[in-house]
C-alpha atoms as a PDB file:
ATOM      1  CA  MET A   1      79.412  89.978  78.391  1.00  0.00           C
ATOM      2  CA  GLY A   2      77.034  87.001  78.036  1.00  0.00           C
ATOM      3  CA  ALA A   3      77.096  83.903  80.188  1.00  0.00           C
ATOM      4  CA  THR A   4      75.971  80.329  79.548  1.00  0.00           C
ATOM      5  CA  TYR A   5      74.716  78.062  82.313  1.00  0.00           C
ATOM      6  CA  ALA A   6      74.369  74.277  82.406  1.00  0.00           C
ATOM      7  CA  VAL A   7      71.345  73.538  84.585  1.00  0.00           C
ATOM      8  CA  ASP A   8      70.357  70.117  85.918  1.00  0.00           C
ATOM      9  CA  VAL A   9      66.558  70.266  85.593  1.00  0.00           C
ATOM     10  CA  ARG A  10      66.044  67.129  87.689  1.00  0.00           C
ATOM     11  CA  GLU A  11      67.862  68.548  90.704  1.00  0.00           C
ATOM     12  CA  GLY A  12      67.126  72.215  89.966  1.00  0.00           C
ATOM     13  CA  ARG A  13      70.708  73.414  90.307  1.00  0.00           C
ATOM     14  CA  ILE A  14      73.431  75.017  88.210  1.00  0.00           C
ATOM     15  CA  VAL A  15      76.149  72.474  87.427  1.00  0.00           C
ATOM     16  CA  ALA A  16      78.511  74.714  85.413  1.00  0.00           C
ATOM     17  CA  THR A  17      78.908  78.325  84.312  1.00  0.00           C
ATOM     18  CA  GLN A  18      80.697  79.671  81.274  1.00  0.00           C
ATOM     19  CA  SER A  19      81.291  83.403  81.524  1.00  0.00           C
ATOM     20  CA  PRO A  20      84.066  85.806  80.514  1.00  0.00           C
ATOM     21  CA  LEU A  21      83.952  87.256  84.048  1.00  0.00           C
ATOM     22  CA  ALA A  22      83.790  84.031  86.080  1.00  0.00           C
ATOM     23  CA  PRO A  23      86.549  81.453  86.101  1.00  0.00           C
ATOM     24  CA  PRO A  24      85.456  77.947  85.057  1.00  0.00           C
ATOM     25  CA  GLU A  25      84.390  75.729  87.930  1.00  0.00           C
ATOM     26  CA  PRO A  26      86.708  72.735  88.121  1.00  0.00           C
ATOM     27  CA  SER A  27      84.158  70.626  90.038  1.00  0.00           C
ATOM     28  CA  ALA A  28      81.633  70.616  87.203  1.00  0.00           C
ATOM     29  CA  PRO A  29      82.444  67.934  84.610  1.00  0.00           C
ATOM     30  CA  PHE A  30      80.483  69.583  81.822  1.00  0.00           C
ATOM     31  CA  GLU A  31      81.718  70.326  78.304  1.00  0.00           C
ATOM     32  CA  PHE A  32      80.002  73.352  76.777  1.00  0.00           C
ATOM     33  CA  PRO A  33      79.296  73.067  73.049  1.00  0.00           C
ATOM     34  CA  VAL A  34      81.010  75.582  70.774  1.00  0.00           C
ATOM     35  CA  ASP A  35      77.667  76.588  69.235  1.00  0.00           C
ATOM     36  CA  LEU A  36      74.285  76.077  70.840  1.00  0.00           C
ATOM     37  CA  PRO A  37      71.864  74.235  68.533  1.00  0.00           C
ATOM     38  CA  ARG A  38      69.522  76.799  66.974  1.00  0.00           C
ATOM     39  CA  GLN A  39      66.555  74.422  66.574  1.00  0.00           C
ATOM     40  CA  SER A  40      66.182  73.862  70.338  1.00  0.00           C
ATOM     41  CA  LEU A  41      67.430  77.254  71.503  1.00  0.00           C
ATOM     42  CA  ARG A  42      64.875  79.358  73.321  1.00  0.00           C
ATOM     43  CA  HIS A  43      65.620  82.952  74.169  1.00  0.00           C
ATOM     44  CA  MET A  44      64.405  83.916  77.619  1.00  0.00           C
ATOM     45  CA  VAL A  45      64.711  87.443  78.924  1.00  0.00           C
ATOM     46  CA  GLY A  46      66.892  87.458  82.026  1.00  0.00           C
ATOM     47  CA  HIS A  47      64.140  88.291  84.513  1.00  0.00           C
ATOM     48  CA  THR A  48      61.853  85.419  83.478  1.00  0.00           C
ATOM     49  CA  ALA A  49      63.623  82.789  85.581  1.00  0.00           C
ATOM     50  CA  ALA A  50      62.460  84.398  88.831  1.00  0.00           C
ATOM     51  CA  PRO A  51      58.708  84.006  88.104  1.00  0.00           C
ATOM     52  CA  ILE A  52      59.267  80.340  87.265  1.00  0.00           C
ATOM     53  CA  GLU A  53      61.132  79.806  90.542  1.00  0.00           C
ATOM     54  CA  LEU A  54      58.375  81.655  92.421  1.00  0.00           C
ATOM     55  CA  ALA A  55      55.688  79.400  90.929  1.00  0.00           C
ATOM     56  CA  VAL A  56      57.727  76.232  91.560  1.00  0.00           C
ATOM     57  CA  ALA A  57      58.369  77.179  95.200  1.00  0.00           C
ATOM     58  CA  ASP A  58      54.707  77.964  95.853  1.00  0.00           C
ATOM     59  CA  PHE A  59      53.486  74.848  94.030  1.00  0.00           C
ATOM     60  CA  LEU A  60      55.817  72.488  95.903  1.00  0.00           C
ATOM     61  CA  SER A  61      54.969  74.102  99.256  1.00  0.00           C
ATOM     62  CA  ARG A  62      51.316  73.163  98.649  1.00  0.00           C
ATOM     63  CA  GLN A  63      52.161  69.509  97.952  1.00  0.00           C
ATOM     64  CA  VAL A  64      51.909  68.005 101.431  1.00  0.00           C
ATOM     65  CA  GLN A  65      54.177  65.047 102.041  1.00  0.00           C
ATOM     66  CA  THR A  66      53.790  62.871 105.096  1.00  0.00           C
ATOM     67  CA  PRO A  67      55.802  59.710 105.783  1.00  0.00           C
ATOM     68  CA  SER A  68      52.599  57.678 106.114  1.00  0.00           C
ATOM     69  CA  ALA A  69      51.138  58.985 102.816  1.00  0.00           C
ATOM     70  CA  PRO A  70      50.600  56.465 100.019  1.00  0.00           C
ATOM     71  CA  ALA A  71      53.340  56.237  97.372  1.00  0.00           C
ATOM     72  CA  GLY A  72      51.230  58.203  94.864  1.00  0.00           C
ATOM     73  CA  GLU A  73      50.934  61.171  97.211  1.00  0.00           C
ATOM     74  CA  ARG A  74      54.646  61.093  98.056  1.00  0.00           C
ATOM     75  CA  CYS A  75      55.371  61.028  94.324  1.00  0.00           C
ATOM     76  CA  ARG A  76      53.318  64.186  93.756  1.00  0.00           C
ATOM     77  CA  SER A  77      55.456  66.162  96.211  1.00  0.00           C
ATOM     78  CA  ARG A  78      58.533  66.039  93.901  1.00  0.00           C
ATOM     79  CA  LEU A  79      59.081  68.414  90.970  1.00  0.00           C
ATOM     80  CA  GLU A  80      60.357  65.621  88.690  1.00  0.00           C
ATOM     81  CA  SER A  81      56.872  64.056  88.869  1.00  0.00           C
ATOM     82  CA  TYR A  82      55.454  66.908  86.769  1.00  0.00           C
ATOM     83  CA  VAL A  83      55.622  68.166  83.233  1.00  0.00           C
ATOM     84  CA  VAL A  84      56.258  71.888  83.656  1.00  0.00           C
ATOM     85  CA  THR A  85      55.254  74.142  80.767  1.00  0.00           C
ATOM     86  CA  VAL A  86      56.138  77.845  80.662  1.00  0.00           C
ATOM     87  CA  VAL A  87      54.389  80.316  78.364  1.00  0.00           C
ATOM     88  CA  PRO A  88      55.296  84.013  78.339  1.00  0.00           C
ATOM     89  CA  GLU A  89      52.276  86.157  77.570  1.00  0.00           C
ATOM     90  CA  PRO A  90      52.644  89.441  75.654  1.00  0.00           C
ATOM     91  CA  ASP A  91      51.174  91.538  78.490  1.00  0.00           C
ATOM     92  CA  GLY A  92      54.021  90.867  80.949  1.00  0.00           C
ATOM     93  CA  VAL A  93      52.576  87.716  82.486  1.00  0.00           C
ATOM     94  CA  MET A  94      54.255  84.325  82.654  1.00  0.00           C
ATOM     95  CA  LEU A  95      52.059  81.209  82.758  1.00  0.00           C
ATOM     96  CA  VAL A  96      53.640  78.221  84.513  1.00  0.00           C
ATOM     97  CA  ARG A  97      51.694  74.942  84.279  1.00  0.00           C
ATOM     98  CA  PHE A  98      52.261  71.814  86.383  1.00  0.00           C
ATOM     99  CA  ASP A  99      50.747  68.624  84.955  1.00  0.00           C
ATOM    100  CA  VAL A 100      51.475  65.309  86.666  1.00  0.00           C
ATOM    101  CA  ASP A 101      53.616  62.977  84.530  1.00  0.00           C
ATOM    102  CA  ASP A 102      51.744  59.658  84.460  1.00  0.00           C
ATOM    103  CA  GLU A 103      54.938  57.718  83.733  1.00  0.00           C
ATOM    104  CA  ALA A 104      56.945  59.271  86.561  1.00  0.00           C
ATOM    105  CA  CYS A 105      54.024  59.203  89.000  1.00  0.00           C
ATOM    106  CA  PRO A 106      51.548  56.451  88.032  1.00  0.00           C
ATOM    107  CA  PRO A 107      47.978  56.884  89.254  1.00  0.00           C
ATOM    108  CA  PRO A 108      47.033  54.765  92.281  1.00  0.00           C
ATOM    109  CA  GLY A 109      44.630  51.869  92.048  1.00  0.00           C
ATOM    110  CA  PRO A 110      43.146  49.957  89.142  1.00  0.00           C
ATOM    111  CA  PRO A 111      41.176  51.769  86.425  1.00  0.00           C
ATOM    112  CA  GLU A 112      37.377  51.826  86.419  1.00  0.00           C
ATOM    113  CA  LEU A 113      35.451  50.415  83.481  1.00  0.00           C
ATOM    114  CA  VAL A 114      33.038  53.023  82.031  1.00  0.00           C
ATOM    115  CA  GLU A 115      31.233  52.306  78.741  1.00  0.00           C
ATOM    116  CA  GLY A 116      33.870  49.777  77.754  1.00  0.00           C
ATOM    117  CA  ARG A 117      36.783  52.154  78.393  1.00  0.00           C
ATOM    118  CA  LYS A 118      39.277  51.960  81.229  1.00  0.00           C
ATOM    119  CA  ILE A 119      39.363  55.273  83.066  1.00  0.00           C
ATOM    120  CA  LEU A 120      41.776  56.347  85.789  1.00  0.00           C
ATOM    121  CA  PRO A 121      41.083  59.055  88.370  1.00  0.00           C
ATOM    122  CA  PRO A 122      41.534  62.525  86.837  1.00  0.00           C
ATOM    123  CA  ALA A 123      44.846  64.336  87.141  1.00  0.00           C
ATOM    124  CA  PHE A 124      44.978  67.850  88.505  1.00  0.00           C
ATOM    125  CA  VAL A 125      46.653  70.511  86.365  1.00  0.00           C
ATOM    126  CA  THR A 126      47.766  73.678  88.170  1.00  0.00           C
ATOM    127  CA  THR A 127      48.558  76.864  86.236  1.00  0.00           C
ATOM    128  CA  TYR A 128      50.125  79.954  87.783  1.00  0.00           C
ATOM    129  CA  ALA A 129      49.904  83.453  86.315  1.00  0.00           C
ATOM    130  CA  VAL A 130      52.915  85.470  87.500  1.00  0.00           C
ATOM    131  CA  ASP A 131      53.462  89.179  86.822  1.00  0.00           C
ATOM    132  CA  LEU A 132      56.984  89.668  85.412  1.00  0.00           C
ATOM    133  CA  ARG A 133      57.319  93.253  86.615  1.00  0.00           C
ATOM    134  CA  THR A 134      56.261  92.843  90.256  1.00  0.00           C
ATOM    135  CA  LEU A 135      57.056  89.127  90.682  1.00  0.00           C
ATOM    136  CA  ARG A 136      53.628  88.514  92.193  1.00  0.00           C
ATOM    137  CA  ILE A 137      51.393  85.516  91.671  1.00  0.00           C
ATOM    138  CA  LEU A 138      48.305  86.995  90.021  1.00  0.00           C
ATOM    139  CA  GLY A 139      46.253  83.816  90.106  1.00  0.00           C
ATOM    140  CA  ILE A 140      46.259  80.040  90.357  1.00  0.00           C
ATOM    141  CA  ASN A 141      43.996  77.964  88.136  1.00  0.00           C
ATOM    142  CA  LEU A 142      43.221  74.353  89.001  1.00  0.00           C
ATOM    143  CA  THR A 143      41.716  72.144  86.293  1.00  0.00           C
ATOM    144  CA  THR A 144      41.466  68.403  85.767  1.00  0.00           C
ATOM    145  CA  ARG A 145      42.634  66.199  82.949  1.00  0.00           C
ATOM    146  CA  GLN A 146      40.936  62.878  82.286  1.00  0.00           C
ATOM    147  CA  ARG A 147      43.280  59.899  82.030  1.00  0.00           C
ATOM    148  CA  LEU A 148      42.396  56.924  79.851  1.00  0.00           C
ATOM    149  CA  VAL A 149      44.136  53.577  79.705  1.00  0.00           C
ATOM    150  CA  GLU A 150      44.979  52.434  76.196  1.00  0.00           C
END
């Protein structure tokens, strides 16, 4: 009794559902493929979506957005400004990493010149560890990533 969902990752919403139990939604102009491509198919156990949503909700709630904030700060308050990586660990923990996408959210200000190399301010990378069984955030790790200009 499987179901297939078409999810818009930019808007974070389901655009169409294909299920033997649910009638097709006429408002969703989406054509489901007959066979899903095996090379890009990733099996996810049904209960793994909830930890990802939990991490996303907590992460975005910490990104303060004020109308008077500079454009760079306003950019960082949107999910589409991040590269989100999800790694299931064998011990029932899901790691969800948020790394700012430099193309979607360019760093503010000109680069500094250090030893002949142009260096931008570091980017913050936030990683959540979420327990799959209890749906609790076990920890949040904040690291930095150095950005260089080519």
